[in-house]
């Protein structure tokens, strides 16, 4: 997840490791999903 954090810093992957924390969900709502987000994960968020 650290490598993804470098590629997509706005999502904070190094901090939450991809779990659905409030900050992660807020980043998805603000920036939209990135290519590594699973559609099954983001379906209920956006």
PDB file of N, CA and C in Angstrom:
ATOM      1  N   UNK A   1       0.810  -1.175   0.000  1.00  0.00           N
ATOM      2  CA  UNK A   1       0.000   0.000   0.000  1.00  0.00           C
ATOM      3  C   UNK A   1       0.867   1.258   0.000  1.00  0.00           C
ATOM      4  N   UNK A   2       2.101   1.140   0.468  1.00  0.00           N
ATOM      5  CA  UNK A   2       2.987   2.314   0.436  1.00  0.00           C
ATOM      6  C   UNK A   2       3.274   2.753  -0.987  1.00  0.00           C
ATOM      7  N   UNK A   3       3.428   1.787  -1.894  1.00  0.00           N
ATOM      8  CA  UNK A   3       3.661   2.145  -3.297  1.00  0.00           C
ATOM      9  C   UNK A   3       2.442   2.843  -3.886  1.00  0.00           C
ATOM     10  N   UNK A   4       1.257   2.339  -3.570  1.00  0.00           N
ATOM     11  CA  UNK A   4       0.042   3.004  -4.039  1.00  0.00           C
ATOM     12  C   UNK A   4      -0.102   4.386  -3.409  1.00  0.00           C
ATOM     13  N   UNK A   5       0.345   4.538  -2.175  1.00  0.00           N
ATOM     14  CA  UNK A   5       0.294   5.836  -1.526  1.00  0.00           C
ATOM     15  C   UNK A   5       1.160   6.848  -2.267  1.00  0.00           C
ATOM     16  N   UNK A   6       2.281   6.391  -2.800  1.00  0.00           N
ATOM     17  CA  UNK A   6       3.147   7.284  -3.574  1.00  0.00           C
ATOM     18  C   UNK A   6       2.487   7.671  -4.894  1.00  0.00           C
ATOM     19  N   UNK A   7       1.772   6.734  -5.498  1.00  0.00           N
ATOM     20  CA  UNK A   7       1.107   6.996  -6.785  1.00  0.00           C
ATOM     21  C   UNK A   7      -0.173   7.807  -6.624  1.00  0.00           C
ATOM     22  N   UNK A   8      -0.888   7.564  -5.526  1.00  0.00           N
ATOM     23  CA  UNK A   8      -2.176   8.208  -5.274  1.00  0.00           C
ATOM     24  C   UNK A   8      -2.192   8.791  -3.857  1.00  0.00           C
ATOM     25  N   UNK A   9      -1.394   9.815  -3.595  1.00  0.00           N
ATOM     26  CA  UNK A   9      -1.242  10.321  -2.224  1.00  0.00           C
ATOM     27  C   UNK A   9      -2.523  10.895  -1.613  1.00  0.00           C
ATOM     28  N   UNK A  10      -3.439  11.325  -2.420  1.00  0.00           N
ATOM     29  CA  UNK A  10      -4.662  11.945  -1.903  1.00  0.00           C
ATOM     30  C   UNK A  10      -5.552  10.967  -1.131  1.00  0.00           C
ATOM     31  N   UNK A  11      -5.330   9.664  -1.283  1.00  0.00           N
ATOM     32  CA  UNK A  11      -6.165   8.672  -0.615  1.00  0.00           C
ATOM     33  C   UNK A  11      -5.609   8.191   0.724  1.00  0.00           C
ATOM     34  N   UNK A  12      -4.340   8.437   1.007  1.00  0.00           N
ATOM     35  CA  UNK A  12      -3.751   8.057   2.289  1.00  0.00           C
ATOM     36  C   UNK A  12      -3.606   6.559   2.507  1.00  0.00           C
ATOM     37  N   UNK A  13      -3.321   5.809   1.452  1.00  0.00           N
ATOM     38  CA  UNK A  13      -3.225   4.350   1.564  1.00  0.00           C
ATOM     39  C   UNK A  13      -2.201   3.884   2.591  1.00  0.00           C
ATOM     40  N   UNK A  14      -1.095   4.596   2.763  1.00  0.00           N
ATOM     41  CA  UNK A  14      -0.073   4.174   3.723  1.00  0.00           C
ATOM     42  C   UNK A  14      -0.602   4.227   5.153  1.00  0.00           C
ATOM     43  N   UNK A  15      -1.552   5.099   5.404  1.00  0.00           N
ATOM     44  CA  UNK A  15      -2.083   5.244   6.753  1.00  0.00           C
ATOM     45  C   UNK A  15      -3.169   4.211   7.063  1.00  0.00           C
ATOM     46  N   UNK A  16      -4.128   4.039   6.169  1.00  0.00           N
ATOM     47  CA  UNK A  16      -5.264   3.162   6.479  1.00  0.00           C
ATOM     48  C   UNK A  16      -5.206   1.801   5.798  1.00  0.00           C
ATOM     49  N   UNK A  17      -4.208   1.579   4.973  1.00  0.00           N
ATOM     50  CA  UNK A  17      -3.965   0.281   4.316  1.00  0.00           C
ATOM     51  C   UNK A  17      -5.128  -0.208   3.449  1.00  0.00           C
ATOM     52  N   UNK A  18      -5.970   0.726   3.003  1.00  0.00           N
ATOM     53  CA  UNK A  18      -7.060   0.356   2.114  1.00  0.00           C
ATOM     54  C   UNK A  18      -8.375   0.043   2.801  1.00  0.00           C
ATOM     55  N   UNK A  19      -8.385   0.093   4.131  1.00  0.00           N
ATOM     56  CA  UNK A  19      -9.635  -0.146   4.841  1.00  0.00           C
ATOM     57  C   UNK A  19     -10.568   1.053   4.670  1.00  0.00           C
ATOM     58  N   UNK A  20     -11.836   0.819   4.867  1.00  0.00           N
ATOM     59  CA  UNK A  20     -12.845   1.844   4.654  1.00  0.00           C
ATOM     60  C   UNK A  20     -12.981   2.811   5.819  1.00  0.00           C
ATOM     61  N   UNK A  21     -11.907   3.500   6.138  1.00  0.00           N
ATOM     62  CA  UNK A  21     -11.961   4.490   7.211  1.00  0.00           C
ATOM     63  C   UNK A  21     -12.717   5.721   6.731  1.00  0.00           C
ATOM     64  N   UNK A  22     -13.106   6.555   7.663  1.00  0.00           N
ATOM     65  CA  UNK A  22     -13.828   7.783   7.303  1.00  0.00           C
ATOM     66  C   UNK A  22     -13.003   8.653   6.368  1.00  0.00           C
ATOM     67  N   UNK A  23     -11.698   8.766   6.611  1.00  0.00           N
ATOM     68  CA  UNK A  23     -10.855   9.600   5.745  1.00  0.00           C
ATOM     69  C   UNK A  23     -10.725   9.008   4.349  1.00  0.00           C
ATOM     70  N   UNK A  24     -10.682   7.683   4.255  1.00  0.00           N
ATOM     71  CA  UNK A  24     -10.594   7.026   2.954  1.00  0.00           C
ATOM     72  C   UNK A  24     -11.879   7.247   2.160  1.00  0.00           C
ATOM     73  N   UNK A  25     -13.003   7.076   2.803  1.00  0.00           N
ATOM     74  CA  UNK A  25     -14.290   7.273   2.138  1.00  0.00           C
ATOM     75  C   UNK A  25     -14.443   8.725   1.700  1.00  0.00           C
ATOM     76  N   UNK A  26     -14.026   9.663   2.546  1.00  0.00           N
ATOM     77  CA  UNK A  26     -14.100  11.078   2.188  1.00  0.00           C
ATOM     78  C   UNK A  26     -13.228  11.373   0.966  1.00  0.00           C
ATOM     79  N   UNK A  27     -12.038  10.781   0.904  1.00  0.00           N
ATOM     80  CA  UNK A  27     -11.149  10.994  -0.244  1.00  0.00           C
ATOM     81  C   UNK A  27     -11.781  10.460  -1.531  1.00  0.00           C
ATOM     82  N   UNK A  28     -12.440   9.318  -1.456  1.00  0.00           N
ATOM     83  CA  UNK A  28     -13.102   8.769  -2.643  1.00  0.00           C
ATOM     84  C   UNK A  28     -14.225   9.698  -3.094  1.00  0.00           C
ATOM     85  N   UNK A  29     -14.976  10.228  -2.153  1.00  0.00           N
ATOM     86  CA  UNK A  29     -16.056  11.159  -2.502  1.00  0.00           C
ATOM     87  C   UNK A  29     -15.504  12.444  -3.098  1.00  0.00           C
ATOM     88  N   UNK A  30     -14.381  12.901  -2.587  1.00  0.00           N
ATOM     89  CA  UNK A  30     -13.788  14.147  -3.066  1.00  0.00           C
ATOM     90  C   UNK A  30     -13.073  13.993  -4.401  1.00  0.00           C
ATOM     91  N   UNK A  31     -12.277  12.929  -4.545  1.00  0.00           N
ATOM     92  CA  UNK A  31     -11.433  12.761  -5.726  1.00  0.00           C
ATOM     93  C   UNK A  31     -11.945  11.716  -6.704  1.00  0.00           C
ATOM     94  N   UNK A  32     -12.967  10.964  -6.315  1.00  0.00           N
ATOM     95  CA  UNK A  32     -13.435   9.856  -7.144  1.00  0.00           C
ATOM     96  C   UNK A  32     -12.528   8.655  -6.938  1.00  0.00           C
ATOM     97  N   UNK A  33     -12.925   7.506  -7.425  1.00  0.00           N
ATOM     98  CA  UNK A  33     -12.090   6.310  -7.261  1.00  0.00           C
ATOM     99  C   UNK A  33     -10.856   6.356  -8.162  1.00  0.00           C
ATOM    100  N   UNK A  34      -9.809   5.682  -7.723  1.00  0.00           N
ATOM    101  CA  UNK A  34      -8.627   5.532  -8.568  1.00  0.00           C
ATOM    102  C   UNK A  34      -8.663   4.119  -9.156  1.00  0.00           C
ATOM    103  N   UNK A  35      -7.775   3.808 -10.073  1.00  0.00           N
ATOM    104  CA  UNK A  35      -7.823   2.504 -10.745  1.00  0.00           C
ATOM    105  C   UNK A  35      -7.715   1.282  -9.835  1.00  0.00           C
ATOM    106  N   UNK A  36      -7.179   1.421  -8.640  1.00  0.00           N
ATOM    107  CA  UNK A  36      -7.042   0.233  -7.791  1.00  0.00           C
ATOM    108  C   UNK A  36      -8.257  -0.002  -6.898  1.00  0.00           C
ATOM    109  N   UNK A  37      -9.190   0.922  -6.844  1.00  0.00           N
ATOM    110  CA  UNK A  37     -10.379   0.709  -6.015  1.00  0.00           C
ATOM    111  C   UNK A  37     -11.273  -0.354  -6.651  1.00  0.00           C
ATOM    112  N   UNK A  38     -11.699  -1.314  -5.830  1.00  0.00           N
ATOM    113  CA  UNK A  38     -12.606  -2.357  -6.314  1.00  0.00           C
ATOM    114  C   UNK A  38     -14.001  -1.770  -6.476  1.00  0.00           C
ATOM    115  N   UNK A  39     -14.657  -2.121  -7.545  1.00  0.00           N
ATOM    116  CA  UNK A  39     -16.015  -1.634  -7.778  1.00  0.00           C
ATOM    117  C   UNK A  39     -16.959  -2.085  -6.677  1.00  0.00           C
ATOM    118  N   UNK A  40     -16.724  -3.276  -6.123  1.00  0.00           N
ATOM    119  CA  UNK A  40     -17.589  -3.757  -5.042  1.00  0.00           C
ATOM    120  C   UNK A  40     -17.396  -2.907  -3.772  1.00  0.00           C
ATOM    121  N   UNK A  41     -16.239  -2.318  -3.607  1.00  0.00           N
ATOM    122  CA  UNK A  41     -15.967  -1.477  -2.447  1.00  0.00           C
ATOM    123  C   UNK A  41     -16.583  -0.090  -2.612  1.00  0.00           C
ATOM    124  N   UNK A  42     -16.420   0.500  -3.784  1.00  0.00           N
ATOM    125  CA  UNK A  42     -16.876   1.872  -3.979  1.00  0.00           C
ATOM    126  C   UNK A  42     -18.354   1.996  -4.339  1.00  0.00           C
ATOM    127  N   UNK A  43     -18.995   0.891  -4.608  1.00  0.00           N
ATOM    128  CA  UNK A  43     -20.390   0.923  -5.025  1.00  0.00           C
ATOM    129  C   UNK A  43     -21.312   1.625  -4.054  1.00  0.00           C
ATOM    130  N   UNK A  44     -21.104   1.452  -2.776  1.00  0.00           N
ATOM    131  CA  UNK A  44     -21.957   2.087  -1.777  1.00  0.00           C
ATOM    132  C   UNK A  44     -21.481   3.469  -1.359  1.00  0.00           C
ATOM    133  N   UNK A  45     -20.358   3.917  -1.905  1.00  0.00           N
ATOM    134  CA  UNK A  45     -19.771   5.197  -1.493  1.00  0.00           C
ATOM    135  C   UNK A  45     -20.118   6.313  -2.469  1.00  0.00           C
ATOM    136  N   UNK A  46     -20.039   6.022  -3.758  1.00  0.00           N
ATOM    137  CA  UNK A  46     -20.294   7.086  -4.732  1.00  0.00           C
ATOM    138  C   UNK A  46     -21.639   6.914  -5.403  1.00  0.00           C
TER     139      UNK A  46
END
